[in-house]
Amino acid sequence: MQTFIHYFLHFGFPLFFALVFFKKDWKKVYLILIATMLVDLDHLFADPIFQANRCSINFHFLHSYYAMLLYLGFLFFRRPFNIIGIGLLFHMFTDYIDCMMMFSHCRECLEDSPAIGPLNWTGNLLGF
């Protein structure tokens, strides 16, 4: 179920978002939101490239807190930059949800994660 939720949030929800908030230009907006998936190219710089129990938040450089501040700044610019900012921030939110699902099943698996502080805080807030 975690994989389904993860990929639905990456591909399905942006379609819903584009259709609801950008009715006139939904195709263009959806393509921009999907293009923000290119942020995952930073995974190619990790060793190993893929690791099943790795939380990408603050591990990969384009998933860092500093990068997220930059993505937040995009929201204050005109189109298409604000849409790019929305896509990138939603991508980070989706990856964080994925981290939280891993964390809820196996806290020990993410003990060395750079995002352990926010994961502990959110886990305590949600009661797991």
C-alpha atoms as a PDB file:
ATOM      1  CA  MET A   1       0.000   0.000   0.000  1.00  0.00           C
ATOM      2  CA  GLN A   2       2.911   2.355   0.745  1.00  0.00           C
ATOM      3  CA  THR A   3       4.164   2.094  -2.843  1.00  0.00           C
ATOM      4  CA  PHE A   4       0.685   2.786  -4.237  1.00  0.00           C
ATOM      5  CA  ILE A   5       0.240   5.845  -2.013  1.00  0.00           C
ATOM      6  CA  HIS A   6       3.703   7.127  -2.896  1.00  0.00           C
ATOM      7  CA  TYR A   7       3.204   6.908  -6.649  1.00  0.00           C
ATOM      8  CA  PHE A   8      -0.387   8.134  -6.500  1.00  0.00           C
ATOM      9  CA  LEU A   9       0.808  11.258  -4.705  1.00  0.00           C
ATOM     10  CA  HIS A  10       3.585  11.717  -7.278  1.00  0.00           C
ATOM     11  CA  PHE A  11       1.449  11.196 -10.385  1.00  0.00           C
ATOM     12  CA  GLY A  12      -2.279  11.055  -9.558  1.00  0.00           C
ATOM     13  CA  PHE A  13      -2.655  13.938  -7.142  1.00  0.00           C
ATOM     14  CA  PRO A  14      -0.874  16.457  -9.412  1.00  0.00           C
ATOM     15  CA  LEU A  15      -3.448  15.646 -12.088  1.00  0.00           C
ATOM     16  CA  PHE A  16      -6.264  16.293  -9.616  1.00  0.00           C
ATOM     17  CA  PHE A  17      -4.554  19.517  -8.487  1.00  0.00           C
ATOM     18  CA  ALA A  18      -4.111  20.744 -12.076  1.00  0.00           C
ATOM     19  CA  LEU A  19      -7.715  19.934 -12.992  1.00  0.00           C
ATOM     20  CA  VAL A  20      -9.187  21.649  -9.931  1.00  0.00           C
ATOM     21  CA  PHE A  21      -7.022  24.774  -9.687  1.00  0.00           C
ATOM     22  CA  PHE A  22      -5.958  25.352 -13.307  1.00  0.00           C
ATOM     23  CA  LYS A  23      -8.967  24.273 -15.370  1.00  0.00           C
ATOM     24  CA  LYS A  24      -8.006  26.291 -18.428  1.00  0.00           C
ATOM     25  CA  ASP A  25      -4.332  25.240 -18.522  1.00  0.00           C
ATOM     26  CA  TRP A  26      -4.522  21.915 -16.688  1.00  0.00           C
ATOM     27  CA  LYS A  27      -2.466  19.991 -19.280  1.00  0.00           C
ATOM     28  CA  LYS A  28       0.413  22.449 -19.169  1.00  0.00           C
ATOM     29  CA  VAL A  29       0.308  22.666 -15.369  1.00  0.00           C
ATOM     30  CA  TYR A  30       0.190  18.871 -15.045  1.00  0.00           C
ATOM     31  CA  LEU A  31       3.232  18.524 -17.305  1.00  0.00           C
ATOM     32  CA  ILE A  32       5.116  21.096 -15.218  1.00  0.00           C
ATOM     33  CA  LEU A  33       4.184  19.280 -11.999  1.00  0.00           C
ATOM     34  CA  ILE A  34       5.292  15.949 -13.465  1.00  0.00           C
ATOM     35  CA  ALA A  35       8.516  17.542 -14.721  1.00  0.00           C
ATOM     36  CA  THR A  36       9.390  18.418 -11.128  1.00  0.00           C
ATOM     37  CA  MET A  37      10.036  14.667 -10.706  1.00  0.00           C
ATOM     38  CA  LEU A  38      13.415  15.425 -12.250  1.00  0.00           C
ATOM     39  CA  VAL A  39      14.401  16.496  -8.741  1.00  0.00           C
ATOM     40  CA  ASP A  40      14.935  12.780  -8.137  1.00  0.00           C
ATOM     41  CA  LEU A  41      17.997  12.852 -10.375  1.00  0.00           C
ATOM     42  CA  ASP A  42      19.947  13.658  -7.219  1.00  0.00           C
ATOM     43  CA  HIS A  43      19.443  10.012  -6.240  1.00  0.00           C
ATOM     44  CA  LEU A  44      22.009   9.130  -8.910  1.00  0.00           C
ATOM     45  CA  PHE A  45      24.715  10.734  -6.746  1.00  0.00           C
ATOM     46  CA  ALA A  46      24.014   8.447  -3.772  1.00  0.00           C
ATOM     47  CA  ASP A  47      25.891   5.247  -3.065  1.00  0.00           C
ATOM     48  CA  PRO A  48      24.062   2.959  -3.403  1.00  0.00           C
ATOM     49  CA  ILE A  49      21.712   4.691  -5.838  1.00  0.00           C
ATOM     50  CA  PHE A  50      18.708   2.879  -4.360  1.00  0.00           C
ATOM     51  CA  GLN A  51      18.308   1.708  -0.792  1.00  0.00           C
ATOM     52  CA  ALA A  52      14.921   0.374   0.284  1.00  0.00           C
ATOM     53  CA  ASN A  53      14.807   1.863   3.790  1.00  0.00           C
ATOM     54  CA  ARG A  54      16.392   5.222   3.026  1.00  0.00           C
ATOM     55  CA  CYS A  55      14.499   8.432   3.688  1.00  0.00           C
ATOM     56  CA  SER A  56      15.397  10.866   0.920  1.00  0.00           C
ATOM     57  CA  ILE A  57      14.532  13.964   2.966  1.00  0.00           C
ATOM     58  CA  ASN A  58      17.744  15.823   3.786  1.00  0.00           C
ATOM     59  CA  PHE A  59      19.772  12.885   2.456  1.00  0.00           C
ATOM     60  CA  HIS A  60      19.939  13.907  -1.209  1.00  0.00           C
ATOM     61  CA  PHE A  61      21.065  17.453  -1.963  1.00  0.00           C
ATOM     62  CA  LEU A  62      17.916  18.395  -3.926  1.00  0.00           C
ATOM     63  CA  HIS A  63      15.854  17.002  -1.033  1.00  0.00           C
ATOM     64  CA  SER A  64      17.676  19.057   1.599  1.00  0.00           C
ATOM     65  CA  TYR A  65      16.110  21.620   3.891  1.00  0.00           C
ATOM     66  CA  TYR A  66      18.114  24.340   2.101  1.00  0.00           C
ATOM     67  CA  ALA A  67      16.726  23.263  -1.262  1.00  0.00           C
ATOM     68  CA  MET A  68      13.220  23.279   0.209  1.00  0.00           C
ATOM     69  CA  LEU A  69      13.692  26.909   1.265  1.00  0.00           C
ATOM     70  CA  LEU A  70      14.595  27.716  -2.330  1.00  0.00           C
ATOM     71  CA  TYR A  71      11.486  25.854  -3.555  1.00  0.00           C
ATOM     72  CA  LEU A  72       9.423  27.863  -1.085  1.00  0.00           C
ATOM     73  CA  GLY A  73      10.847  31.034  -2.623  1.00  0.00           C
ATOM     74  CA  PHE A  74       9.607  29.922  -6.061  1.00  0.00           C
ATOM     75  CA  LEU A  75       6.039  30.369  -4.801  1.00  0.00           C
ATOM     76  CA  PHE A  76       6.509  34.153  -4.799  1.00  0.00           C
ATOM     77  CA  PHE A  77       7.397  34.354  -8.494  1.00  0.00           C
ATOM     78  CA  ARG A  78       5.112  34.357 -11.505  1.00  0.00           C
ATOM     79  CA  ARG A  79       4.162  31.378 -13.594  1.00  0.00           C
ATOM     80  CA  PRO A  80       5.682  28.917 -14.293  1.00  0.00           C
ATOM     81  CA  PHE A  81       8.043  29.316 -11.325  1.00  0.00           C
ATOM     82  CA  ASN A  82       5.275  29.259  -8.741  1.00  0.00           C
ATOM     83  CA  ILE A  83       3.901  26.043 -10.261  1.00  0.00           C
ATOM     84  CA  ILE A  84       7.404  24.559 -10.226  1.00  0.00           C
ATOM     85  CA  GLY A  85       7.655  25.539  -6.538  1.00  0.00           C
ATOM     86  CA  ILE A  86       4.318  23.868  -5.816  1.00  0.00           C
ATOM     87  CA  GLY A  87       5.446  20.721  -7.597  1.00  0.00           C
ATOM     88  CA  LEU A  88       8.795  20.565  -5.818  1.00  0.00           C
ATOM     89  CA  LEU A  89       7.310  21.213  -2.381  1.00  0.00           C
ATOM     90  CA  PHE A  90       4.576  18.656  -2.956  1.00  0.00           C
ATOM     91  CA  HIS A  91       7.272  16.197  -4.064  1.00  0.00           C
ATOM     92  CA  MET A  92       9.098  16.787  -0.764  1.00  0.00           C
ATOM     93  CA  PHE A  93       5.826  16.378   1.148  1.00  0.00           C
ATOM     94  CA  THR A  94       5.153  13.100  -0.671  1.00  0.00           C
ATOM     95  CA  ASP A  95       8.640  11.816   0.120  1.00  0.00           C
ATOM     96  CA  TYR A  96       8.186  12.870   3.757  1.00  0.00           C
ATOM     97  CA  ILE A  97       4.924  10.909   3.937  1.00  0.00           C
ATOM     98  CA  ASP A  98       6.830   7.922   2.549  1.00  0.00           C
ATOM     99  CA  CYS A  99       9.472   8.388   5.258  1.00  0.00           C
ATOM    100  CA  MET A 100       6.743   8.581   7.901  1.00  0.00           C
ATOM    101  CA  MET A 101       5.208   5.315   6.679  1.00  0.00           C
ATOM    102  CA  MET A 102       8.611   3.611   6.894  1.00  0.00           C
ATOM    103  CA  PHE A 103       9.203   5.189  10.308  1.00  0.00           C
ATOM    104  CA  SER A 104       5.841   4.003  11.647  1.00  0.00           C
ATOM    105  CA  HIS A 105       6.736   0.396  10.770  1.00  0.00           C
ATOM    106  CA  CYS A 106      10.413   0.425  11.729  1.00  0.00           C
ATOM    107  CA  ARG A 107      11.823   3.285  13.802  1.00  0.00           C
ATOM    108  CA  GLU A 108      15.205   1.563  14.039  1.00  0.00           C
ATOM    109  CA  CYS A 109      15.500   1.479  10.231  1.00  0.00           C
ATOM    110  CA  LEU A 110      15.701   5.276  10.124  1.00  0.00           C
ATOM    111  CA  GLU A 111      17.776   5.923  13.262  1.00  0.00           C
ATOM    112  CA  ASP A 112      20.658   7.247  11.150  1.00  0.00           C
ATOM    113  CA  SER A 113      18.441   9.274   8.817  1.00  0.00           C
ATOM    114  CA  PRO A 114      19.265  12.981   8.499  1.00  0.00           C
ATOM    115  CA  ALA A 115      15.521  13.588   8.943  1.00  0.00           C
ATOM    116  CA  ILE A 116      15.238  11.698  12.238  1.00  0.00           C
ATOM    117  CA  GLY A 117      14.408  14.870  14.234  1.00  0.00           C
ATOM    118  CA  PRO A 118      11.319  15.834  12.204  1.00  0.00           C
ATOM    119  CA  LEU A 119      10.325  12.155  11.928  1.00  0.00           C
ATOM    120  CA  ASN A 120      10.433  11.735  15.721  1.00  0.00           C
ATOM    121  CA  TRP A 121       8.472  14.966  16.205  1.00  0.00           C
ATOM    122  CA  THR A 122       5.797  14.020  13.657  1.00  0.00           C
ATOM    123  CA  GLY A 123       5.661  10.445  14.946  1.00  0.00           C
ATOM    124  CA  ASN A 124       5.078  11.666  18.507  1.00  0.00           C
ATOM    125  CA  LEU A 125       2.461  14.130  17.281  1.00  0.00           C
ATOM    126  CA  LEU A 126       0.604  11.364  15.414  1.00  0.00           C
ATOM    127  CA  GLY A 127       1.028   8.883  18.245  1.00  0.00           C
ATOM    128  CA  PHE A 128       3.357   6.247  16.841  1.00  0.00           C
END
